[in-house]
Protein backbone atom coordinates (compact mmCIF):
# COMPACT_ATOMS: atom_id res chain seq x y z
CA UNK A 1 38.60 -5.33 -14.62
CA UNK A 2 35.92 -4.35 -17.10
CA UNK A 3 32.51 -5.97 -16.74
CA UNK A 4 33.79 -8.27 -13.99
CA UNK A 5 34.85 -5.26 -11.94
CA UNK A 6 31.46 -3.62 -12.45
CA UNK A 7 29.74 -6.78 -11.21
CA UNK A 8 31.98 -6.96 -8.14
CA UNK A 9 31.37 -3.28 -7.39
CA UNK A 10 27.60 -3.88 -7.61
CA UNK A 11 27.76 -6.73 -5.10
CA UNK A 12 29.94 -4.69 -2.72
CA UNK A 13 27.50 -1.78 -2.83
CA UNK A 14 24.56 -4.09 -2.16
CA UNK A 15 26.27 -5.68 0.85
CA UNK A 16 27.25 -2.27 2.23
CA UNK A 17 23.71 -0.95 1.77
CA UNK A 18 22.22 -4.00 3.50
CA UNK A 19 24.64 -3.67 6.43
CA UNK A 20 23.81 0.02 6.86
CA UNK A 21 20.05 -0.61 6.86
CA UNK A 22 20.38 -3.42 9.43
CA UNK A 23 22.53 -1.24 11.68
CA UNK A 24 19.89 1.49 11.60
CA UNK A 25 16.97 -0.88 12.21
CA UNK A 26 18.69 -2.62 15.12
CA UNK A 27 20.08 0.63 16.52
CA UNK A 28 19.11 2.22 19.83
CA UNK A 29 17.93 5.55 18.44
CA UNK A 30 15.24 4.35 16.04
CA UNK A 31 11.62 5.03 16.98
CA UNK A 32 10.33 1.57 16.01
CA UNK A 33 13.20 -0.94 16.33
CA UNK A 34 13.10 -4.53 15.14
CA UNK A 35 12.03 -6.90 17.92
CA UNK A 36 11.36 -10.61 18.14
CA UNK A 37 8.35 -12.37 19.58
CA UNK A 38 4.67 -11.49 19.94
CA UNK A 39 3.96 -12.30 16.31
CA UNK A 40 0.46 -11.87 14.92
CA UNK A 41 -0.22 -14.05 11.88
CA UNK A 42 -2.93 -11.69 10.65
CA UNK A 43 -0.57 -8.71 10.70
CA UNK A 44 2.21 -10.78 9.13
CA UNK A 45 -0.16 -11.79 6.34
CA UNK A 46 -1.16 -8.19 5.63
CA UNK A 47 2.46 -6.98 5.57
CA UNK A 48 3.49 -9.89 3.35
CA UNK A 49 0.67 -9.24 0.90
CA UNK A 50 1.75 -5.62 0.49
CA UNK A 51 5.43 -6.51 0.11
CA UNK A 52 4.63 -9.40 -2.22
CA UNK A 53 3.37 -6.96 -4.84
CA UNK A 54 6.74 -5.17 -5.13
CA UNK A 55 8.56 -8.51 -4.96
CA UNK A 56 6.59 -9.97 -7.85
CA UNK A 57 6.97 -6.80 -9.93
CA UNK A 58 10.77 -6.89 -9.64
CA UNK A 59 10.80 -10.65 -10.25
CA UNK A 60 8.73 -10.33 -13.41
CA UNK A 61 10.90 -7.46 -14.64
CA UNK A 62 14.00 -9.63 -14.45
CA UNK A 63 12.27 -12.57 -16.12
CA UNK A 64 11.11 -10.26 -18.93
CA UNK A 65 14.63 -9.01 -19.59
CA UNK A 66 15.96 -12.57 -19.68
CA UNK A 67 13.18 -13.55 -22.09
CA UNK A 68 13.93 -10.56 -24.30
CA UNK A 69 17.61 -11.49 -24.50
CA UNK A 70 16.69 -15.10 -25.32
CA UNK A 71 14.50 -14.02 -28.22
CA UNK A 72 17.19 -11.65 -29.53
CA UNK A 73 19.70 -14.48 -29.37
CA UNK A 74 17.33 -16.89 -31.10
CA UNK A 75 16.02 -14.70 -33.91
CA UNK A 76 18.90 -12.21 -34.23
CA UNK A 77 20.96 -14.31 -36.62
CA UNK A 78 24.34 -12.81 -37.40
CA UNK A 79 23.38 -9.59 -35.60
CA UNK A 80 22.40 -11.30 -32.35
CA UNK A 81 25.53 -10.19 -30.46
CA UNK A 82 25.10 -6.64 -31.68
CA UNK A 83 21.42 -6.64 -30.69
CA UNK A 84 22.25 -7.98 -27.22
CA UNK A 85 24.85 -5.26 -26.70
CA UNK A 86 22.50 -2.53 -27.89
CA UNK A 87 19.69 -3.92 -25.72
CA UNK A 88 21.95 -3.63 -22.67
CA UNK A 89 22.41 0.07 -23.41
CA UNK A 90 18.68 0.50 -24.04
CA UNK A 91 17.87 -1.06 -20.67
CA UNK A 92 20.40 1.23 -18.99
CA UNK A 93 18.60 4.23 -20.48
CA UNK A 94 15.26 2.79 -19.37
CA UNK A 95 16.58 2.65 -15.80
CA UNK A 96 17.13 6.41 -15.95
CA UNK A 97 13.36 6.65 -16.34
CA UNK A 98 12.01 3.89 -14.11
CA UNK A 99 14.30 4.32 -11.10
CA UNK A 100 13.46 8.01 -10.39
CA UNK A 101 9.84 7.29 -11.29
CA UNK A 102 9.69 4.40 -8.85
CA UNK A 103 11.41 6.50 -6.19
CA UNK A 104 8.73 9.16 -6.55
CA UNK A 105 5.72 6.85 -6.50
CA UNK A 106 7.01 4.44 -3.84
CA UNK A 107 8.41 7.24 -1.71
CA UNK A 108 4.99 8.86 -1.46
CA UNK A 109 3.14 5.67 -0.51
CA UNK A 110 3.32 6.54 3.18
CA UNK A 111 1.58 9.85 2.53
CA UNK A 112 -1.34 8.09 0.90
CA UNK A 113 -1.48 5.33 3.51
CA UNK A 114 -1.38 7.80 6.41
CA UNK A 115 -4.17 9.96 5.02
CA UNK A 116 -6.26 6.88 4.28
CA UNK A 117 -5.98 5.84 7.92
CA UNK A 118 -6.66 9.41 9.04
CA UNK A 119 -9.86 9.47 6.99
CA UNK A 120 -8.72 12.35 4.76
CA UNK A 121 -9.85 11.38 1.24
CA UNK A 122 -9.51 14.91 -0.07
CA UNK A 123 -5.82 14.96 0.87
CA UNK A 124 -5.27 11.62 -0.88
CA UNK A 125 -6.72 12.98 -4.11
CA UNK A 126 -4.76 16.21 -3.74
CA UNK A 127 -1.50 14.35 -3.15
CA UNK A 128 -2.08 12.07 -6.11
CA UNK A 129 -2.79 15.01 -8.38
CA UNK A 130 0.64 16.42 -7.52
CA UNK A 131 2.27 13.02 -7.98
CA UNK A 132 0.57 12.48 -11.35
CA UNK A 133 1.72 15.89 -12.59
CA UNK A 134 5.32 15.37 -11.46
CA UNK A 135 5.51 11.80 -12.78
CA UNK A 136 4.00 12.56 -16.18
CA UNK A 137 6.10 15.73 -16.56
CA UNK A 138 9.26 13.75 -15.84
CA UNK A 139 8.23 11.11 -18.40
CA UNK A 140 7.56 13.79 -21.00
CA UNK A 141 11.06 15.24 -20.49
CA UNK A 142 12.67 11.81 -20.76
CA UNK A 143 10.64 11.01 -23.88
CA UNK A 144 11.84 14.22 -25.52
CA UNK A 145 15.43 13.36 -24.63
CA UNK A 146 15.02 9.82 -25.95
CA UNK A 147 13.58 11.02 -29.25
CA UNK A 148 16.08 13.83 -29.84
CA UNK A 149 19.46 12.94 -28.33
CA UNK A 150 19.61 9.14 -27.81
CA UNK A 151 22.99 8.97 -29.59
CA UNK A 152 24.59 11.04 -26.83
CA UNK A 153 23.61 8.43 -24.25
CA UNK A 154 24.68 5.55 -26.49
CA UNK A 155 28.05 7.22 -26.97
CA UNK A 156 28.76 6.84 -23.24
CA UNK A 157 28.93 3.06 -23.63
CA UNK A 158 30.42 2.57 -27.07
CA UNK A 159 32.36 4.47 -29.71
CA UNK A 160 31.37 2.20 -32.61
CA UNK A 161 29.23 4.20 -35.09
CA UNK A 162 27.15 1.15 -36.03
CA UNK A 163 26.35 0.36 -32.40
CA UNK A 164 25.52 3.99 -31.65
CA UNK A 165 23.19 4.22 -34.65
CA UNK A 166 21.34 1.00 -33.77
CA UNK A 167 21.08 1.86 -30.08
CA UNK A 168 19.68 5.32 -30.86
CA UNK A 169 17.10 3.76 -33.16
CA UNK A 170 16.08 1.18 -30.54
CA UNK A 171 15.84 3.79 -27.76
CA UNK A 172 13.45 5.82 -29.90
CA UNK A 173 11.24 2.75 -30.38
CA UNK A 174 11.46 1.60 -26.76
CA UNK A 175 10.33 4.94 -25.28
CA UNK A 176 7.38 5.72 -27.54
CA UNK A 177 4.87 5.05 -24.75
CA UNK A 178 6.84 6.37 -21.78
CA UNK A 179 4.49 9.31 -21.09
CA UNK A 180 1.69 7.07 -19.80
CA UNK A 181 4.16 5.10 -17.71
CA UNK A 182 4.00 7.84 -15.08
CA UNK A 183 0.27 7.20 -14.64
CA UNK A 184 0.80 3.44 -14.42
CA UNK A 185 3.48 3.69 -11.74
CA UNK A 186 1.47 6.01 -9.50
CA UNK A 187 -1.76 4.05 -9.84
CA UNK A 188 -0.11 0.72 -8.98
CA UNK A 189 2.15 2.08 -6.22
CA UNK A 190 -0.63 4.31 -4.90
CA UNK A 191 -3.02 1.40 -4.46
CA UNK A 192 -0.20 -0.63 -2.91
CA UNK A 193 0.57 2.16 -0.43
CA UNK A 194 -3.08 2.21 0.61
CA UNK A 195 -3.04 -1.55 1.13
CA UNK A 196 -5.28 -2.35 -1.85
CA UNK A 197 -3.08 -5.10 -3.26
CA UNK A 198 -6.04 -6.87 -4.85
CA UNK A 199 -6.25 -3.98 -7.33
CA UNK A 200 -2.57 -3.03 -7.60
CA UNK A 201 -1.17 -6.49 -8.28
CA UNK A 202 -3.53 -7.45 -11.15
CA UNK A 203 -2.88 -4.11 -12.86
CA UNK A 204 0.87 -4.66 -12.65
CA UNK A 205 0.67 -8.31 -13.73
CA UNK A 206 -1.54 -7.34 -16.69
CA UNK A 207 1.23 -5.08 -17.99
CA UNK A 208 3.80 -7.86 -17.63
CA UNK A 209 1.51 -10.28 -19.48
CA UNK A 210 1.18 -7.88 -22.40
CA UNK A 211 4.97 -7.46 -22.48
CA UNK A 212 5.52 -11.24 -22.45
CA UNK A 213 2.97 -11.80 -25.18
CA UNK A 214 4.63 -9.23 -27.44
CA UNK A 215 8.09 -10.71 -26.83
CA UNK A 216 7.02 -14.14 -28.08
CA UNK A 217 4.60 -13.03 -30.83
CA UNK A 218 6.32 -10.11 -32.60
CA UNK A 219 9.52 -11.95 -33.72
CA UNK A 220 7.43 -14.62 -35.44
CA UNK A 221 5.82 -12.15 -37.83
CA UNK A 222 8.10 -9.08 -37.93
CA UNK A 223 11.82 -8.33 -38.27
CA UNK A 224 13.68 -8.93 -35.01
CA UNK A 225 14.24 -5.24 -34.31
CA UNK A 226 10.48 -4.80 -34.06
CA UNK A 227 10.51 -6.85 -30.86
CA UNK A 228 11.39 -3.62 -29.07
CA UNK A 229 7.84 -2.43 -29.73
CA UNK A 230 6.86 -4.74 -26.86
CA UNK A 231 7.73 -1.91 -24.46
CA UNK A 232 5.60 0.91 -25.97
CA UNK A 233 2.68 -1.50 -26.40
CA UNK A 234 2.87 -2.45 -22.71
CA UNK A 235 3.37 1.22 -21.81
CA UNK A 236 0.17 2.32 -23.56
CA UNK A 237 -2.54 -0.36 -23.38
CA UNK A 238 -2.19 -1.44 -19.71
CA UNK A 239 -1.94 2.16 -18.39
CA UNK A 240 -5.17 2.99 -20.20
CA UNK A 241 -6.82 0.06 -18.41
CA UNK A 242 -5.27 1.19 -15.11
CA UNK A 243 -6.60 4.72 -15.58
CA UNK A 244 -10.10 3.32 -16.17
CA UNK A 245 -9.91 1.08 -13.09
CA UNK A 246 -8.57 3.99 -11.02
CA UNK A 247 -11.40 6.27 -12.10
CA UNK A 248 -14.00 3.62 -11.21
CA UNK A 249 -12.57 2.56 -7.84
CA UNK A 250 -10.59 5.36 -6.20
CA UNK A 251 -13.59 7.06 -4.53
CA UNK A 252 -14.73 3.77 -3.04
CA UNK A 253 -11.22 2.93 -1.85
CA UNK A 254 -10.49 6.22 -0.09
CA UNK A 255 -13.94 6.36 1.53
CA UNK A 256 -13.95 2.81 2.84
CA UNK A 257 -13.77 1.95 6.53
CA UNK A 258 -15.47 3.47 9.60
CA UNK A 259 -17.91 6.29 9.13
CA UNK A 260 -16.69 9.79 9.67
CA UNK A 261 -17.42 11.34 13.08
CA UNK A 262 -20.78 13.03 13.19
CA UNK A 263 -22.17 15.06 16.11
CA UNK A 264 -25.10 17.45 16.52
CA UNK A 265 -27.31 18.78 19.28
CA UNK A 266 -31.06 19.45 19.36
CA UNK A 267 -32.93 21.61 21.89
CA UNK A 268 -36.56 21.42 23.02
CA UNK A 269 -37.64 23.40 19.96
CA UNK A 270 -36.11 20.77 17.68
CA UNK A 271 -33.50 23.28 16.57
CA UNK A 272 -30.30 21.51 15.53
CA UNK A 273 -26.78 22.82 16.06
CA UNK A 274 -23.93 21.16 14.14
CA UNK A 275 -21.09 20.22 16.50
CA UNK A 276 -18.88 19.10 13.58
CA UNK A 277 -16.58 16.41 15.03
CA UNK A 278 -17.02 17.30 18.73
CA UNK A 279 -19.75 15.78 20.89
CA UNK A 280 -20.90 16.56 24.40
CA UNK A 281 -22.68 13.51 25.82
CA UNK A 282 -25.43 11.06 25.05
CA UNK A 283 -28.07 12.37 27.48
CA UNK A 284 -29.79 9.85 29.73
CA UNK A 285 -33.26 11.24 29.03
CA UNK A 286 -34.87 13.95 26.94
CA UNK A 287 -36.03 17.15 28.55
CA UNK A 288 -32.58 18.25 29.68
CA UNK A 289 -30.87 21.34 28.38
CA UNK A 290 -29.89 19.59 25.16
CA UNK A 291 -29.83 16.25 23.46
CA UNK A 292 -26.59 15.31 21.74
CA UNK A 293 -26.28 12.41 19.35
CA UNK A 294 -22.97 10.80 18.37
CA UNK A 295 -22.13 8.07 15.85
CA UNK A 296 -19.10 6.57 14.21
CA UNK A 297 -16.33 6.68 16.81
CA UNK A 298 -13.46 4.27 16.25
CA UNK A 299 -12.01 3.90 19.75
CA UNK A 300 -12.27 0.12 19.73
CA UNK A 301 -14.46 -2.69 18.43
CA UNK A 302 -16.88 -5.24 19.78
CA UNK A 303 -20.47 -5.52 20.96
CA UNK A 304 -19.56 -4.56 24.53
CA UNK A 305 -18.90 -1.04 23.30
CA UNK A 306 -22.64 -0.39 23.44
CA UNK A 307 -25.58 -0.41 21.04
CA UNK A 308 -25.81 3.32 20.25
CA UNK A 309 -24.20 4.00 16.90
CA UNK A 310 -22.59 0.54 17.07
CA UNK A 311 -21.18 -1.12 13.99
CA UNK A 312 -19.19 -4.30 13.71
CA UNK A 313 -15.86 -2.51 13.50
CA UNK A 314 -16.79 0.82 15.11
CA UNK A 315 -17.34 1.58 18.79
CA UNK A 316 -18.93 4.81 20.09
CA UNK A 317 -17.32 4.60 23.54
CA UNK A 318 -14.23 3.21 25.19
CA UNK A 319 -14.56 -0.37 26.34
CA UNK A 320 -14.62 -1.04 30.04
CA UNK A 321 -12.61 -4.27 29.98
CA UNK A 322 -9.47 -5.43 28.19
CA UNK A 323 -10.09 -7.15 24.88
CA UNK A 324 -8.50 -6.91 21.49
CA UNK A 325 -6.56 -3.69 21.21
CA UNK A 326 -8.45 -1.87 24.00
CA UNK A 327 -7.40 -1.49 27.63
CA UNK A 328 -9.59 -0.51 30.64
CA UNK A 329 -10.64 3.12 30.51
CA UNK A 330 -10.06 5.62 33.32
CA UNK A 331 -11.17 9.16 32.50
CA UNK A 332 -11.27 12.15 34.80
CA UNK A 333 -13.07 15.44 34.29
CA UNK A 334 -11.56 18.71 35.48
CA UNK A 335 -13.25 21.97 36.31
CA UNK A 336 -12.25 25.30 34.80
CA UNK A 337 -9.44 25.64 37.34
CA UNK A 338 -7.96 22.27 36.43
CA UNK A 339 -9.14 20.53 39.64
CA UNK A 340 -10.42 16.97 39.35
CA UNK A 341 -14.18 16.82 39.86
CA UNK A 342 -14.77 13.13 39.32
CA UNK A 343 -13.05 10.03 37.91
CA UNK A 344 -14.71 7.20 36.06
CA UNK A 345 -13.12 3.76 35.81
CA UNK A 346 -14.26 1.30 33.14
CA UNK A 347 -17.33 3.36 32.33
CA UNK A 348 -17.72 6.55 30.30
CA UNK A 349 -20.40 8.75 28.94
CA UNK A 350 -19.24 9.30 25.40
CA UNK A 351 -15.84 9.87 23.88
CA UNK A 352 -15.35 13.01 21.84
CA UNK A 353 -14.42 12.76 18.19
CA UNK A 354 -11.70 15.31 18.94
CA UNK A 355 -11.20 16.93 22.34
CA UNK A 356 -9.95 20.34 21.15
CA UNK A 357 -8.72 21.10 24.65
CA UNK A 358 -11.93 20.05 26.47
CA UNK A 359 -12.23 16.89 28.55
CA UNK A 360 -14.99 14.39 27.72
CA UNK A 361 -17.99 13.95 29.98
CA UNK A 362 -17.97 10.99 32.35
CA UNK A 363 -20.59 8.95 34.14
CA UNK A 364 -19.87 8.18 37.79
CA UNK A 365 -19.83 4.40 38.50
CA UNK A 366 -22.91 3.22 40.35
CA UNK A 367 -24.90 6.44 39.92
CA UNK A 368 -26.30 7.97 36.74
CA UNK A 369 -24.72 11.33 37.58
CA UNK A 370 -23.73 13.30 34.52
CA UNK A 371 -21.08 16.03 34.65
CA UNK A 372 -20.79 18.79 32.09
CA UNK A 373 -17.45 20.19 31.05
CA UNK A 374 -18.65 23.82 31.23
CA UNK A 375 -17.38 24.30 27.70
CA UNK A 376 -19.21 25.74 24.75
CA UNK A 377 -19.63 22.27 23.32
CA UNK A 378 -21.94 21.19 26.19
CA UNK A 379 -24.18 24.28 26.29
CA UNK A 380 -26.86 25.43 23.89
């Protein structure tokens, strides 16, 4: 069936893929199934903003290809049909670059997003270094292939020597800037994965604008074949801008949000012991065995969390009443044998940054009685 059969096969594969994904998402064995009801407009807006970036990128890509074909048809003259055919082959070769590249950068978005939420900036930078190396290395290999053996790829689609020669020439032009494309993809998709659409989307749109401008300007002043330089121009200038923006903003992006957990203890001699991310308790008065200070816990939000170490979106202790995403707190402390010593409902001393196997201290309701956990973290 020729091209018609290829189109039908594409539609069938898309329908089958969609059906499979829906079966999985609505299945009984998935961890987070699709449900209906309980919608939160704020969450919907955030999800939509992140998805909108990928949607617009794909939309602009299709519009660019249509515009490129229109200009080839308009300025191609007697060779317009030949140029359109060769352009189809060129775009097929380009997909061999962009599809694996997009799979790499989009597939690793969850790694970056998770580590951003986990407050691990060093792991974000480490992951991106690996991604940059893999993406750029892949682009280098594809550039070498495009510059040395483009005729072998063109020969898959046509046996006409003239078409093969023109397609090989156009592939060489079209892939001149492919090396930097690996940086562009990871920067845009990386920012998107971390939820920073306000940076990712403008960087992507800027590249599309450069491509559009070249499509409509180059044919007016240069031979029609030179229109294919629109790709290397948009593969070099915008990535350089993206690299600059990345260098100026990445540290601020990965370090944004609540402060990291800080805990330390001071004795009567003003000697300080670093507790790293584990805190004992906020002592009721000085003069006890130790004074422990804690700041920057993110167990909830709101002024009712208490004034010590309080920030607008950071709470040092669990809330005592339901509000927002917090439920009433009931904590119990055990002795060394695992027996319950005391329970505290809706009131706590301080929540540990990480428990590391030790229970947090609690304050008995109605009486300012403080229990220690007999662990190394509450003794000095």
